[in-house]
Structure formats: structure tokens, C-alpha cells
Amino acid sequence: MYKADIERLLAVASQTVHKEAEALKALADSLHENADFRSCIETLVNCRGRIVLTGIGKSAIVAQKIVATLNSTGSPSLFLHAADAIHGDLGMIQPDDCVICLSKSGETSEIKVLIPLLKSFGNPLVAMTANRNSTLARQADFLLWTPVDHEADPNNLAPTTSTISQMALGDALAIVLLTHRGFSAADFAKFHPGGALGKQLYLRVRDLYDRNEKPVVRVNATLNEVILEISAKRLGATAVLDNDDRLAGIITDGDLRRMLQQQTDFTSLKATDILTRSPKYIGPDEMAVDAFALMRNHSITQLIVLDNGKYLGIVHIHDLIREGFV
């Protein structure tokens, strides 16, 4: 492929993004003038059931993404495929549910069949469409208009600007509901216990260090004892305690290497001669994400865990890698 071809394709890519950005700006500008959008927000805020999203084709895929966002931010939602709805799945809709139907044209055959069925249920029906004069727009209780004149596709066929506008409007609704409910970071963590994002919000240092060995030597330990303890506990370091069980410092693999470069006689060396005094430490109730930040900021791989001056153990960067922080 010639350089000119690459440049032409890069220009197409840039133009695509610009067209989608223009569509999103038009959507944002339209919201303040859309009385139905305000009414829709009020309806969804007061919805005692679930928010049911339905659509077909690419709109169905977008609807599934919006459902995922709503559920993860505290708004119970479910997806109902429009084709399945007219073949038995309408029973998923309960009396207190609110329904949002996505369709760019608002005239898809399955949607036109579905509309009167949904209306007969008596649930609030919200239309998300680019066609304000469509059957869907006219029959819905509220219209969420996505002002899309042209797809980014030069043939005006592939759903691009229309789907990104639908997705952005769905995100806007989710964030509006999240804000109204005061949905917090702690609430978010409850719905994401297995993900890295959730772990950043709930995982604490005490959840990590207790899985590790607890390397420790006394200040008068020999060099051989220090090496054996570091090797046995496999954390690349050991805490050094004085005779009153107070933390005197830490000895890491790096400390040992530096000592080997500086010393020629190791026979009389003790832990107190090698240790790093005033090591970085963290409390057991601190967030794991704060431990990661501390390690990163100081370019270290271990942290001593202290509770009111009492040595509890070591948390290692590998613990955080295992939990998906890196």
C-alpha cells in the first residue's frame, strides 16, 4: 500500500470521528429545548419498576449497552429484543416498568408491530429515534430525538452517527439517574466486586498482606540469617525489629546488592548494618489503591504494614498485579 493511500485512509478516519462529534454536539444542544426529555427524566426518576430497553439490529446492541450502564449505576434495567417481544417475551414487562424503544427510523416492521402491544400494557413508552415524524415518535409518550442527518458512512447506510448518538443519550440518562440518587463510589463498588474498578473502591491492604508470609529478623541477625529469611518468605524483603518488637527498618534485595558492592568483609555484618531506616509503610485499613500509588510514587515494590506501630506483614506489588491494579 502506497503512502498516499495510507494518508487518504487516515483522512477518512479523521472525518468519521469529526462527523460523529458534530452529531453529539447537535444532540447536546437539542436537550435543553426538548420538553419531552425533561418529562422523560421525571418519569424515569419516579419509575418504581425496571427500565426496559428494546430495539432491533444495531439499535438492539446499543440498547444492551445502555442496560449494562444503567444496571451498573443503580438503575434496575433489562433488555428485550423487539423480535423476541412479539414472539412471547412481552411477559418480561411488569406493570411498574418503563419502556424505552430505540430505532433510528422509527418505522422498522418489528417496531411497528410492537408499539400497539406495548401501548396496550399501559407502561410509559419512550421513543429514541432520529425521525420525529415516525410511527414510533408519534405513538410514544415521550420522544428522545437524536438529530442525525447523515451517517458517517459515505453511503449513508452503516449505522455510525446514529448509534453513537443513541449510546450517548443512554449514557446521559444513566448519569442523570445516578446523580439524582446520589449513587456513590461505594455503591459502584457493590455492583463491581470482581472488576479492577470495583476493587479500587473496596479492596484494603488487610485483604492482601495476610495472604503473604511474614518475614522478620532481629537487629542483631547475621547476614546469613537475613538472606535465608528473605529467600524463604519470597517477598524480596524482610522487616527488621528491635528487641522491643518495634520496627527498626527493612532490608530488601536491593539493599543486599548495594551492600555487596560496598563491602568486602561480610563476616561481622548484622541486620542493623544493612537495613534501611524509616521505610515506607501503610496501615491495614488503607485502600489497596493507595498502597499501589505509594509504591509507584517511590519506585518501590514492597510496603511494610503497621498498625499503631505493630508490624503486621508486607504487601507486595505482585499482590496488586494479581488483583488487576496494574
C-alpha atoms as a PDB file:
ATOM      1  CA  MET A   1       0.000   0.000   0.000  1.00  0.00           C
ATOM      2  CA  TYR A   2       1.364   3.409  -1.018  1.00  0.00           C
ATOM      3  CA  LYS A   3       1.875   6.271   1.399  1.00  0.00           C
ATOM      4  CA  ALA A   4      -0.768   8.277  -0.443  1.00  0.00           C
ATOM      5  CA  ASP A   5      -3.315   5.520   0.179  1.00  0.00           C
ATOM      6  CA  ILE A   6      -2.484   5.484   3.893  1.00  0.00           C
ATOM      7  CA  GLU A   7      -2.879   9.257   4.116  1.00  0.00           C
ATOM      8  CA  ARG A   8      -6.215   9.091   2.321  1.00  0.00           C
ATOM      9  CA  LEU A   9      -7.499   6.425   4.715  1.00  0.00           C
ATOM     10  CA  LEU A  10      -6.267   8.380   7.734  1.00  0.00           C
ATOM     11  CA  ALA A  11      -8.218  11.358   6.438  1.00  0.00           C
ATOM     12  CA  VAL A  12     -11.326   9.170   6.199  1.00  0.00           C
ATOM     13  CA  ALA A  13     -10.827   8.033   9.796  1.00  0.00           C
ATOM     14  CA  SER A  14     -10.466  11.612  10.999  1.00  0.00           C
ATOM     15  CA  GLN A  15     -13.508  12.714   9.023  1.00  0.00           C
ATOM     16  CA  THR A  16     -15.567   9.900  10.542  1.00  0.00           C
ATOM     17  CA  VAL A  17     -14.730  10.977  14.073  1.00  0.00           C
ATOM     18  CA  HIS A  18     -15.449  14.625  13.240  1.00  0.00           C
ATOM     19  CA  LYS A  19     -18.868  13.722  11.831  1.00  0.00           C
ATOM     20  CA  GLU A  20     -19.735  11.740  14.933  1.00  0.00           C
ATOM     21  CA  ALA A  21     -18.504  14.576  17.157  1.00  0.00           C
ATOM     22  CA  GLU A  22     -20.744  17.002  15.247  1.00  0.00           C
ATOM     23  CA  ALA A  23     -23.704  14.677  15.775  1.00  0.00           C
ATOM     24  CA  LEU A  24     -23.011  14.554  19.510  1.00  0.00           C
ATOM     25  CA  LYS A  25     -22.791  18.359  19.687  1.00  0.00           C
ATOM     26  CA  ALA A  26     -26.119  18.655  17.896  1.00  0.00           C
ATOM     27  CA  LEU A  27     -27.595  16.170  20.360  1.00  0.00           C
ATOM     28  CA  ALA A  28     -26.246  18.075  23.374  1.00  0.00           C
ATOM     29  CA  ASP A  29     -27.615  21.374  22.015  1.00  0.00           C
ATOM     30  CA  SER A  30     -31.044  19.844  21.463  1.00  0.00           C
ATOM     31  CA  LEU A  31     -31.569  18.594  25.015  1.00  0.00           C
ATOM     32  CA  HIS A  32     -32.256  21.968  26.622  1.00  0.00           C
ATOM     33  CA  GLU A  33     -35.071  22.660  24.148  1.00  0.00           C
ATOM     34  CA  ASN A  34     -36.605  19.196  24.406  1.00  0.00           C
ATOM     35  CA  ALA A  35     -39.559  19.287  26.813  1.00  0.00           C
ATOM     36  CA  ASP A  36     -40.032  15.541  26.334  1.00  0.00           C
ATOM     37  CA  PHE A  37     -36.504  14.929  27.588  1.00  0.00           C
ATOM     38  CA  ARG A  38     -37.368  16.694  30.844  1.00  0.00           C
ATOM     39  CA  SER A  39     -40.595  14.733  31.167  1.00  0.00           C
ATOM     40  CA  CYS A  40     -38.758  11.502  30.416  1.00  0.00           C
ATOM     41  CA  ILE A  41     -36.249  12.214  33.188  1.00  0.00           C
ATOM     42  CA  GLU A  42     -39.079  12.829  35.631  1.00  0.00           C
ATOM     43  CA  THR A  43     -40.786   9.592  34.571  1.00  0.00           C
ATOM     44  CA  LEU A  44     -37.616   7.525  34.933  1.00  0.00           C
ATOM     45  CA  VAL A  45     -36.778   9.107  38.283  1.00  0.00           C
ATOM     46  CA  ASN A  46     -40.201   8.092  39.565  1.00  0.00           C
ATOM     47  CA  CYS A  47     -40.179   4.648  37.919  1.00  0.00           C
ATOM     48  CA  ARG A  48     -40.939   2.040  40.592  1.00  0.00           C
ATOM     49  CA  GLY A  49     -40.094  -0.899  38.332  1.00  0.00           C
ATOM     50  CA  ARG A  50     -37.327  -1.552  35.847  1.00  0.00           C
ATOM     51  CA  ILE A  51     -36.272   0.363  32.787  1.00  0.00           C
ATOM     52  CA  VAL A  52     -36.858  -1.942  29.821  1.00  0.00           C
ATOM     53  CA  LEU A  53     -34.939  -1.160  26.631  1.00  0.00           C
ATOM     54  CA  THR A  54     -35.884  -2.691  23.316  1.00  0.00           C
ATOM     55  CA  GLY A  55     -34.807  -2.415  19.704  1.00  0.00           C
ATOM     56  CA  ILE A  56     -33.681  -4.401  16.703  1.00  0.00           C
ATOM     57  CA  GLY A  57     -30.496  -4.591  14.664  1.00  0.00           C
ATOM     58  CA  LYS A  58     -27.740  -2.189  15.720  1.00  0.00           C
ATOM     59  CA  SER A  59     -30.193  -0.354  17.959  1.00  0.00           C
ATOM     60  CA  ALA A  60     -30.653  -3.580  19.918  1.00  0.00           C
ATOM     61  CA  ILE A  61     -26.899  -3.776  20.507  1.00  0.00           C
ATOM     62  CA  VAL A  62     -26.847  -0.177  21.727  1.00  0.00           C
ATOM     63  CA  ALA A  63     -29.842  -0.913  23.965  1.00  0.00           C
ATOM     64  CA  GLN A  64     -27.916  -3.766  25.589  1.00  0.00           C
ATOM     65  CA  LYS A  65     -25.011  -1.449  26.333  1.00  0.00           C
ATOM     66  CA  ILE A  66     -27.334   1.132  27.876  1.00  0.00           C
ATOM     67  CA  VAL A  67     -28.924  -1.590  30.023  1.00  0.00           C
ATOM     68  CA  ALA A  68     -25.471  -2.587  31.259  1.00  0.00           C
ATOM     69  CA  THR A  69     -24.660   1.014  32.158  1.00  0.00           C
ATOM     70  CA  LEU A  70     -27.975   1.553  33.940  1.00  0.00           C
ATOM     71  CA  ASN A  71     -27.630  -1.642  35.967  1.00  0.00           C
ATOM     72  CA  SER A  72     -24.060  -0.858  36.979  1.00  0.00           C
ATOM     73  CA  THR A  73     -25.073   2.599  38.184  1.00  0.00           C
ATOM     74  CA  GLY A  74     -28.031   1.557  40.301  1.00  0.00           C
ATOM     75  CA  SER A  75     -30.980   1.739  37.892  1.00  0.00           C
ATOM     76  CA  PRO A  76     -32.504  -1.767  37.510  1.00  0.00           C
ATOM     77  CA  SER A  77     -32.895  -2.448  33.806  1.00  0.00           C
ATOM     78  CA  LEU A  78     -33.338  -5.252  31.303  1.00  0.00           C
ATOM     79  CA  PHE A  79     -33.083  -5.752  27.565  1.00  0.00           C
ATOM     80  CA  LEU A  80     -35.985  -7.057  25.487  1.00  0.00           C
ATOM     81  CA  HIS A  81     -35.245  -7.817  21.837  1.00  0.00           C
ATOM     82  CA  ALA A  82     -38.027  -6.409  19.681  1.00  0.00           C
ATOM     83  CA  ALA A  83     -38.295  -9.565  17.558  1.00  0.00           C
ATOM     84  CA  ASP A  84     -38.483 -11.786  20.631  1.00  0.00           C
ATOM     85  CA  ALA A  85     -41.000  -9.452  22.236  1.00  0.00           C
ATOM     86  CA  ILE A  86     -43.600 -10.111  19.556  1.00  0.00           C
ATOM     87  CA  HIS A  87     -42.993 -13.848  19.839  1.00  0.00           C
ATOM     88  CA  GLY A  88     -43.689 -14.386  23.513  1.00  0.00           C
ATOM     89  CA  ASP A  89     -41.206 -12.356  25.553  1.00  0.00           C
ATOM     90  CA  LEU A  90     -43.558  -9.466  26.311  1.00  0.00           C
ATOM     91  CA  GLY A  91     -44.270 -11.227  29.587  1.00  0.00           C
ATOM     92  CA  MET A  92     -40.950  -9.813  30.815  1.00  0.00           C
ATOM     93  CA  ILE A  93     -42.581  -6.396  31.168  1.00  0.00           C
ATOM     94  CA  GLN A  94     -44.168  -5.772  34.565  1.00  0.00           C
ATOM     95  CA  PRO A  95     -46.811  -3.129  35.422  1.00  0.00           C
ATOM     96  CA  ASP A  96     -44.399  -0.660  37.070  1.00  0.00           C
ATOM     97  CA  ASP A  97     -41.760  -0.834  34.325  1.00  0.00           C
ATOM     98  CA  CYS A  98     -40.878   1.984  31.930  1.00  0.00           C
ATOM     99  CA  VAL A  99     -40.052   1.096  28.318  1.00  0.00           C
ATOM    100  CA  ILE A 100     -37.531   2.811  26.022  1.00  0.00           C
ATOM    101  CA  CYS A 101     -37.654   1.787  22.364  1.00  0.00           C
ATOM    102  CA  LEU A 102     -34.637   2.525  20.164  1.00  0.00           C
ATOM    103  CA  SER A 103     -34.985   2.839  16.387  1.00  0.00           C
ATOM    104  CA  LYS A 104     -33.263   5.267  14.054  1.00  0.00           C
ATOM    105  CA  SER A 105     -36.113   5.284  11.546  1.00  0.00           C
ATOM    106  CA  GLY A 106     -38.946   4.510  13.942  1.00  0.00           C
ATOM    107  CA  GLU A 107     -40.547   2.571  11.083  1.00  0.00           C
ATOM    108  CA  THR A 108     -38.948  -0.870  11.332  1.00  0.00           C
ATOM    109  CA  SER A 109     -41.601  -3.547  10.801  1.00  0.00           C
ATOM    110  CA  GLU A 110     -40.953  -5.290  14.126  1.00  0.00           C
ATOM    111  CA  ILE A 111     -41.119  -1.949  15.948  1.00  0.00           C
ATOM    112  CA  LYS A 112     -44.411  -1.031  14.269  1.00  0.00           C
ATOM    113  CA  VAL A 113     -45.897  -4.362  15.358  1.00  0.00           C
ATOM    114  CA  LEU A 114     -44.526  -3.956  18.871  1.00  0.00           C
ATOM    115  CA  ILE A 115     -45.772  -0.399  19.523  1.00  0.00           C
ATOM    116  CA  PRO A 116     -49.510  -1.135  19.928  1.00  0.00           C
ATOM    117  CA  LEU A 117     -48.691  -4.154  22.081  1.00  0.00           C
ATOM    118  CA  LEU A 118     -46.585  -2.011  24.378  1.00  0.00           C
ATOM    119  CA  LYS A 119     -49.258   0.694  24.446  1.00  0.00           C
ATOM    120  CA  SER A 120     -51.875  -1.859  25.499  1.00  0.00           C
ATOM    121  CA  PHE A 121     -49.799  -2.667  28.578  1.00  0.00           C
ATOM    122  CA  GLY A 122     -50.135   0.896  29.820  1.00  0.00           C
ATOM    123  CA  ASN A 123     -46.452   1.309  30.650  1.00  0.00           C
ATOM    124  CA  PRO A 124     -44.794   4.666  29.876  1.00  0.00           C
ATOM    125  CA  LEU A 125     -43.257   4.386  26.395  1.00  0.00           C
ATOM    126  CA  VAL A 126     -40.201   6.437  25.449  1.00  0.00           C
ATOM    127  CA  ALA A 127     -39.068   6.652  21.828  1.00  0.00           C
ATOM    128  CA  MET A 128     -35.396   7.172  20.987  1.00  0.00           C
ATOM    129  CA  THR A 129     -35.307   7.906  17.282  1.00  0.00           C
ATOM    130  CA  ALA A 130     -33.839  10.246  14.681  1.00  0.00           C
ATOM    131  CA  ASN A 131     -37.189  10.501  12.867  1.00  0.00           C
ATOM    132  CA  ARG A 132     -39.525  12.854  14.693  1.00  0.00           C
ATOM    133  CA  ASN A 133     -42.341  12.069  12.254  1.00  0.00           C
ATOM    134  CA  SER A 134     -42.099   8.289  12.551  1.00  0.00           C
ATOM    135  CA  THR A 135     -44.751   5.917  13.815  1.00  0.00           C
ATOM    136  CA  LEU A 136     -42.673   5.317  16.924  1.00  0.00           C
ATOM    137  CA  ALA A 137     -42.244   9.024  17.639  1.00  0.00           C
ATOM    138  CA  ARG A 138     -45.962   9.749  17.200  1.00  0.00           C
ATOM    139  CA  GLN A 139     -47.155   6.822  19.330  1.00  0.00           C
ATOM    140  CA  ALA A 140     -44.689   7.171  22.209  1.00  0.00           C
ATOM    141  CA  ASP A 141     -45.449   9.110  25.371  1.00  0.00           C
ATOM    142  CA  PHE A 142     -42.086  10.847  25.200  1.00  0.00           C
ATOM    143  CA  LEU A 143     -39.669  11.465  22.347  1.00  0.00           C
ATOM    144  CA  LEU A 144     -35.917  11.407  22.820  1.00  0.00           C
ATOM    145  CA  TRP A 145     -34.828  12.821  19.490  1.00  0.00           C
ATOM    146  CA  THR A 146     -31.358  12.037  18.166  1.00  0.00           C
ATOM    147  CA  PRO A 147     -30.764  14.691  15.478  1.00  0.00           C
ATOM    148  CA  VAL A 148     -28.830  12.711  12.870  1.00  0.00           C
ATOM    149  CA  ASP A 149     -28.965  13.950   9.271  1.00  0.00           C
ATOM    150  CA  HIS A 150     -26.342  11.625   7.810  1.00  0.00           C
ATOM    151  CA  GLU A 151     -24.337   8.611   8.870  1.00  0.00           C
ATOM    152  CA  ALA A 152     -20.543   8.872   8.867  1.00  0.00           C
ATOM    153  CA  ASP A 153     -20.602   6.182   6.200  1.00  0.00           C
ATOM    154  CA  PRO A 154     -20.340   7.943   2.783  1.00  0.00           C
ATOM    155  CA  ASN A 155     -23.162   5.712   1.533  1.00  0.00           C
ATOM    156  CA  ASN A 156     -25.337   6.804   4.472  1.00  0.00           C
ATOM    157  CA  LEU A 157     -26.043   3.157   5.257  1.00  0.00           C
ATOM    158  CA  ALA A 158     -23.869   1.849   8.095  1.00  0.00           C
ATOM    159  CA  PRO A 159     -25.217   2.933  11.498  1.00  0.00           C
ATOM    160  CA  THR A 160     -22.481   5.177  12.891  1.00  0.00           C
ATOM    161  CA  THR A 161     -23.532   8.677  13.908  1.00  0.00           C
ATOM    162  CA  SER A 162     -27.000   7.346  14.718  1.00  0.00           C
ATOM    163  CA  THR A 163     -25.756   4.615  17.071  1.00  0.00           C
ATOM    164  CA  ILE A 164     -23.200   6.811  18.813  1.00  0.00           C
ATOM    165  CA  SER A 165     -25.950   9.381  19.408  1.00  0.00           C
ATOM    166  CA  GLN A 166     -28.203   6.700  20.893  1.00  0.00           C
ATOM    167  CA  MET A 167     -25.412   5.480  23.130  1.00  0.00           C
ATOM    168  CA  ALA A 168     -24.555   8.999  24.301  1.00  0.00           C
ATOM    169  CA  LEU A 169     -28.194   9.729  25.085  1.00  0.00           C
ATOM    170  CA  GLY A 170     -28.430   6.482  27.044  1.00  0.00           C
ATOM    171  CA  ASP A 171     -25.311   7.450  28.985  1.00  0.00           C
ATOM    172  CA  ALA A 172     -26.843  10.854  29.684  1.00  0.00           C
ATOM    173  CA  LEU A 173     -29.962   9.227  31.142  1.00  0.00           C
ATOM    174  CA  ALA A 174     -27.865   6.874  33.279  1.00  0.00           C
ATOM    175  CA  ILE A 175     -25.770   9.713  34.692  1.00  0.00           C
ATOM    176  CA  VAL A 176     -28.863  11.839  35.348  1.00  0.00           C
ATOM    177  CA  LEU A 177     -30.400   8.985  37.355  1.00  0.00           C
ATOM    178  CA  LEU A 178     -27.093   8.280  39.100  1.00  0.00           C
ATOM    179  CA  THR A 179     -26.785  11.918  40.111  1.00  0.00           C
ATOM    180  CA  HIS A 180     -30.389  12.153  41.302  1.00  0.00           C
ATOM    181  CA  ARG A 181     -29.998   9.066  43.500  1.00  0.00           C
ATOM    182  CA  GLY A 182     -26.679  10.187  44.940  1.00  0.00           C
ATOM    183  CA  PHE A 183     -25.053   6.996  43.689  1.00  0.00           C
ATOM    184  CA  SER A 184     -21.602   6.955  45.302  1.00  0.00           C
ATOM    185  CA  ALA A 185     -18.263   5.308  44.608  1.00  0.00           C
ATOM    186  CA  ALA A 186     -19.049   2.849  47.400  1.00  0.00           C
ATOM    187  CA  ASP A 187     -22.347   1.993  45.709  1.00  0.00           C
ATOM    188  CA  PHE A 188     -20.488   1.476  42.439  1.00  0.00           C
ATOM    189  CA  ALA A 189     -18.123  -0.965  44.140  1.00  0.00           C
ATOM    190  CA  LYS A 190     -21.063  -3.075  45.329  1.00  0.00           C
ATOM    191  CA  PHE A 191     -22.029  -3.722  41.712  1.00  0.00           C
ATOM    192  CA  HIS A 192     -18.442  -4.346  40.534  1.00  0.00           C
ATOM    193  CA  PRO A 193     -16.900  -6.609  43.186  1.00  0.00           C
ATOM    194  CA  GLY A 194     -14.961  -8.699  40.693  1.00  0.00           C
ATOM    195  CA  GLY A 195     -13.627  -5.948  38.465  1.00  0.00           C
ATOM    196  CA  ALA A 196     -10.487  -3.863  38.812  1.00  0.00           C
ATOM    197  CA  LEU A 197     -12.578  -0.693  39.109  1.00  0.00           C
ATOM    198  CA  GLY A 198     -14.595  -2.092  41.967  1.00  0.00           C
ATOM    199  CA  LYS A 199     -11.517  -3.411  43.719  1.00  0.00           C
ATOM    200  CA  GLN A 200     -10.025   0.071  43.731  1.00  0.00           C
ATOM    201  CA  LEU A 201     -13.055   1.184  45.690  1.00  0.00           C
ATOM    202  CA  TYR A 202     -13.315  -1.562  48.291  1.00  0.00           C
ATOM    203  CA  LEU A 203     -10.110  -3.645  48.487  1.00  0.00           C
ATOM    204  CA  ARG A 204      -7.994  -2.786  51.519  1.00  0.00           C
ATOM    205  CA  VAL A 205      -4.417  -3.540  52.483  1.00  0.00           C
ATOM    206  CA  ARG A 206      -5.579  -6.053  55.120  1.00  0.00           C
ATOM    207  CA  ASP A 207      -7.159  -8.088  52.303  1.00  0.00           C
ATOM    208  CA  LEU A 208      -3.723  -8.510  50.732  1.00  0.00           C
ATOM    209  CA  TYR A 209      -0.898  -8.732  53.234  1.00  0.00           C
ATOM    210  CA  ASP A 210      -2.485 -11.545  55.246  1.00  0.00           C
ATOM    211  CA  ARG A 211      -2.056 -13.900  52.284  1.00  0.00           C
ATOM    212  CA  ASN A 212       1.716 -13.469  52.411  1.00  0.00           C
ATOM    213  CA  GLU A 213       4.390 -14.845  54.673  1.00  0.00           C
ATOM    214  CA  LYS A 214       5.598 -12.510  57.416  1.00  0.00           C
ATOM    215  CA  PRO A 215       9.365 -12.079  57.004  1.00  0.00           C
ATOM    216  CA  VAL A 216      11.124 -10.756  60.086  1.00  0.00           C
ATOM    217  CA  VAL A 217      14.601 -10.728  61.631  1.00  0.00           C
ATOM    218  CA  ARG A 218      16.067  -9.024  64.684  1.00  0.00           C
ATOM    219  CA  VAL A 219      18.544  -6.171  64.518  1.00  0.00           C
ATOM    220  CA  ASN A 220      21.378  -8.456  65.576  1.00  0.00           C
ATOM    221  CA  ALA A 221      20.609 -11.151  62.966  1.00  0.00           C
ATOM    222  CA  THR A 222      23.574 -12.270  60.873  1.00  0.00           C
ATOM    223  CA  LEU A 223      23.825 -11.655  57.148  1.00  0.00           C
ATOM    224  CA  ASN A 224      23.221 -15.351  56.545  1.00  0.00           C
ATOM    225  CA  GLU A 225      20.025 -15.246  58.627  1.00  0.00           C
ATOM    226  CA  VAL A 226      18.807 -12.184  56.696  1.00  0.00           C
ATOM    227  CA  ILE A 227      19.394 -13.858  53.326  1.00  0.00           C
ATOM    228  CA  LEU A 228      17.702 -17.067  54.428  1.00  0.00           C
ATOM    229  CA  GLU A 229      14.638 -15.173  55.717  1.00  0.00           C
ATOM    230  CA  ILE A 230      14.258 -13.140  52.527  1.00  0.00           C
ATOM    231  CA  SER A 231      14.641 -16.271  50.389  1.00  0.00           C
ATOM    232  CA  ALA A 232      12.250 -18.367  52.478  1.00  0.00           C
ATOM    233  CA  LYS A 233       9.431 -15.803  52.593  1.00  0.00           C
ATOM    234  CA  ARG A 234       9.802 -14.871  48.887  1.00  0.00           C
ATOM    235  CA  LEU A 235       8.773 -11.231  49.157  1.00  0.00           C
ATOM    236  CA  GLY A 236      12.143  -9.732  48.261  1.00  0.00           C
ATOM    237  CA  ALA A 237      12.462  -8.130  51.695  1.00  0.00           C
ATOM    238  CA  THR A 238      12.274  -8.622  55.419  1.00  0.00           C
ATOM    239  CA  ALA A 239      11.278  -6.361  58.274  1.00  0.00           C
ATOM    240  CA  VAL A 240      13.852  -5.766  60.999  1.00  0.00           C
ATOM    241  CA  LEU A 241      12.586  -5.492  64.574  1.00  0.00           C
ATOM    242  CA  ASP A 242      14.425  -4.325  67.656  1.00  0.00           C
ATOM    243  CA  ASN A 243      14.375  -6.211  70.956  1.00  0.00           C
ATOM    244  CA  ASP A 244      11.136  -4.448  71.946  1.00  0.00           C
ATOM    245  CA  ASP A 245       9.351  -5.619  68.755  1.00  0.00           C
ATOM    246  CA  ARG A 246       9.413  -2.138  67.297  1.00  0.00           C
ATOM    247  CA  LEU A 247      10.175  -1.676  63.614  1.00  0.00           C
ATOM    248  CA  ALA A 248      13.815  -0.727  63.113  1.00  0.00           C
ATOM    249  CA  GLY A 249      13.761  -0.832  59.337  1.00  0.00           C
ATOM    250  CA  ILE A 250      13.600  -3.021  56.248  1.00  0.00           C
ATOM    251  CA  ILE A 251      16.147  -4.978  54.247  1.00  0.00           C
ATOM    252  CA  THR A 252      15.375  -5.601  50.580  1.00  0.00           C
ATOM    253  CA  ASP A 253      17.117  -7.480  47.802  1.00  0.00           C
ATOM    254  CA  GLY A 254      18.332  -4.088  46.603  1.00  0.00           C
ATOM    255  CA  ASP A 255      19.900  -3.355  49.988  1.00  0.00           C
ATOM    256  CA  LEU A 256      21.787  -6.653  49.802  1.00  0.00           C
ATOM    257  CA  ARG A 257      23.086  -5.921  46.302  1.00  0.00           C
ATOM    258  CA  ARG A 258      24.272  -2.461  47.313  1.00  0.00           C
ATOM    259  CA  MET A 259      25.948  -3.910  50.387  1.00  0.00           C
ATOM    260  CA  LEU A 260      27.814  -6.471  48.246  1.00  0.00           C
ATOM    261  CA  GLN A 261      29.121  -3.649  46.052  1.00  0.00           C
ATOM    262  CA  GLN A 262      30.384  -1.653  49.034  1.00  0.00           C
ATOM    263  CA  GLN A 263      31.707  -4.340  51.420  1.00  0.00           C
ATOM    264  CA  THR A 264      34.461  -6.886  51.169  1.00  0.00           C
ATOM    265  CA  ASP A 265      34.195  -8.455  54.632  1.00  0.00           C
ATOM    266  CA  PHE A 266      30.727  -9.849  55.423  1.00  0.00           C
ATOM    267  CA  THR A 267      31.549 -11.970  58.426  1.00  0.00           C
ATOM    268  CA  SER A 268      30.713  -9.410  61.072  1.00  0.00           C
ATOM    269  CA  LEU A 269      27.757  -7.712  59.381  1.00  0.00           C
ATOM    270  CA  LYS A 270      24.446  -7.635  61.221  1.00  0.00           C
ATOM    271  CA  ALA A 271      20.969  -6.687  60.085  1.00  0.00           C
ATOM    272  CA  THR A 272      21.338  -3.306  61.776  1.00  0.00           C
ATOM    273  CA  ASP A 273      24.315  -2.551  59.490  1.00  0.00           C
ATOM    274  CA  ILE A 274      22.340  -3.165  56.299  1.00  0.00           C
ATOM    275  CA  LEU A 275      18.782  -2.056  56.955  1.00  0.00           C
ATOM    276  CA  THR A 276      17.025   0.983  55.566  1.00  0.00           C
ATOM    277  CA  ARG A 277      15.671   3.006  58.429  1.00  0.00           C
ATOM    278  CA  SER A 278      12.274   4.780  58.304  1.00  0.00           C
ATOM    279  CA  PRO A 279      10.906   2.603  55.483  1.00  0.00           C
ATOM    280  CA  LYS A 280       7.657   3.425  53.708  1.00  0.00           C
ATOM    281  CA  TYR A 281       4.686   1.848  55.423  1.00  0.00           C
ATOM    282  CA  ILE A 282       0.916   1.759  55.294  1.00  0.00           C
ATOM    283  CA  GLY A 283      -1.927   0.871  57.644  1.00  0.00           C
ATOM    284  CA  PRO A 284      -4.051  -2.271  57.253  1.00  0.00           C
ATOM    285  CA  ASP A 285      -7.264  -0.304  56.770  1.00  0.00           C
ATOM    286  CA  GLU A 286      -5.857   1.868  53.985  1.00  0.00           C
ATOM    287  CA  MET A 287      -7.141   1.268  50.462  1.00  0.00           C
ATOM    288  CA  ALA A 288      -5.120  -1.073  48.283  1.00  0.00           C
ATOM    289  CA  VAL A 289      -5.144   1.545  45.525  1.00  0.00           C
ATOM    290  CA  ASP A 290      -3.340   3.918  47.927  1.00  0.00           C
ATOM    291  CA  ALA A 291      -0.701   1.253  48.542  1.00  0.00           C
ATOM    292  CA  PHE A 292      -0.209   0.989  44.792  1.00  0.00           C
ATOM    293  CA  ALA A 293       0.132   4.764  44.461  1.00  0.00           C
ATOM    294  CA  LEU A 294       2.690   4.853  47.284  1.00  0.00           C
ATOM    295  CA  MET A 295       4.780   2.129  45.659  1.00  0.00           C
ATOM    296  CA  ARG A 296       4.614   3.802  42.267  1.00  0.00           C
ATOM    297  CA  ASN A 297       5.490   7.267  43.592  1.00  0.00           C
ATOM    298  CA  HIS A 298       8.545   5.971  45.456  1.00  0.00           C
ATOM    299  CA  SER A 299       9.584   3.328  42.897  1.00  0.00           C
ATOM    300  CA  ILE A 300       9.422   0.502  45.429  1.00  0.00           C
ATOM    301  CA  THR A 301       7.855  -2.944  45.283  1.00  0.00           C
ATOM    302  CA  GLN A 302       7.069  -3.615  48.959  1.00  0.00           C
ATOM    303  CA  LEU A 303       5.386  -1.776  51.792  1.00  0.00           C
ATOM    304  CA  ILE A 304       5.591  -2.555  55.484  1.00  0.00           C
ATOM    305  CA  VAL A 305       2.133  -2.866  57.069  1.00  0.00           C
ATOM    306  CA  LEU A 306       1.935  -1.238  60.508  1.00  0.00           C
ATOM    307  CA  ASP A 307      -0.979  -0.961  62.919  1.00  0.00           C
ATOM    308  CA  ASN A 308      -0.303   1.503  65.747  1.00  0.00           C
ATOM    309  CA  GLY A 309       3.388   0.768  65.413  1.00  0.00           C
ATOM    310  CA  LYS A 310       2.926  -3.018  65.399  1.00  0.00           C
ATOM    311  CA  TYR A 311       4.447  -4.866  62.455  1.00  0.00           C
ATOM    312  CA  LEU A 312       1.800  -6.983  60.680  1.00  0.00           C
ATOM    313  CA  GLY A 313       3.450  -8.016  57.438  1.00  0.00           C
ATOM    314  CA  ILE A 314       4.357  -6.867  53.936  1.00  0.00           C
ATOM    315  CA  VAL A 315       2.216  -6.032  50.925  1.00  0.00           C
ATOM    316  CA  HIS A 316       3.970  -6.598  47.584  1.00  0.00           C
ATOM    317  CA  ILE A 317       3.417  -5.116  44.146  1.00  0.00           C
ATOM    318  CA  HIS A 318       2.664  -8.650  42.945  1.00  0.00           C
ATOM    319  CA  ASP A 319      -0.398  -8.684  45.215  1.00  0.00           C
ATOM    320  CA  LEU A 320      -1.725  -5.642  43.369  1.00  0.00           C
ATOM    321  CA  ILE A 321      -0.855  -7.063  39.956  1.00  0.00           C
ATOM    322  CA  ARG A 322      -2.771 -10.214  40.835  1.00  0.00           C
ATOM    323  CA  GLU A 323      -5.832  -8.092  41.699  1.00  0.00           C
ATOM    324  CA  GLY A 324      -5.672  -6.242  38.377  1.00  0.00           C
ATOM    325  CA  PHE A 325      -4.365  -2.874  39.574  1.00  0.00           C
ATOM    326  CA  VAL A 326      -1.553  -2.915  37.018  1.00  0.00           C
END
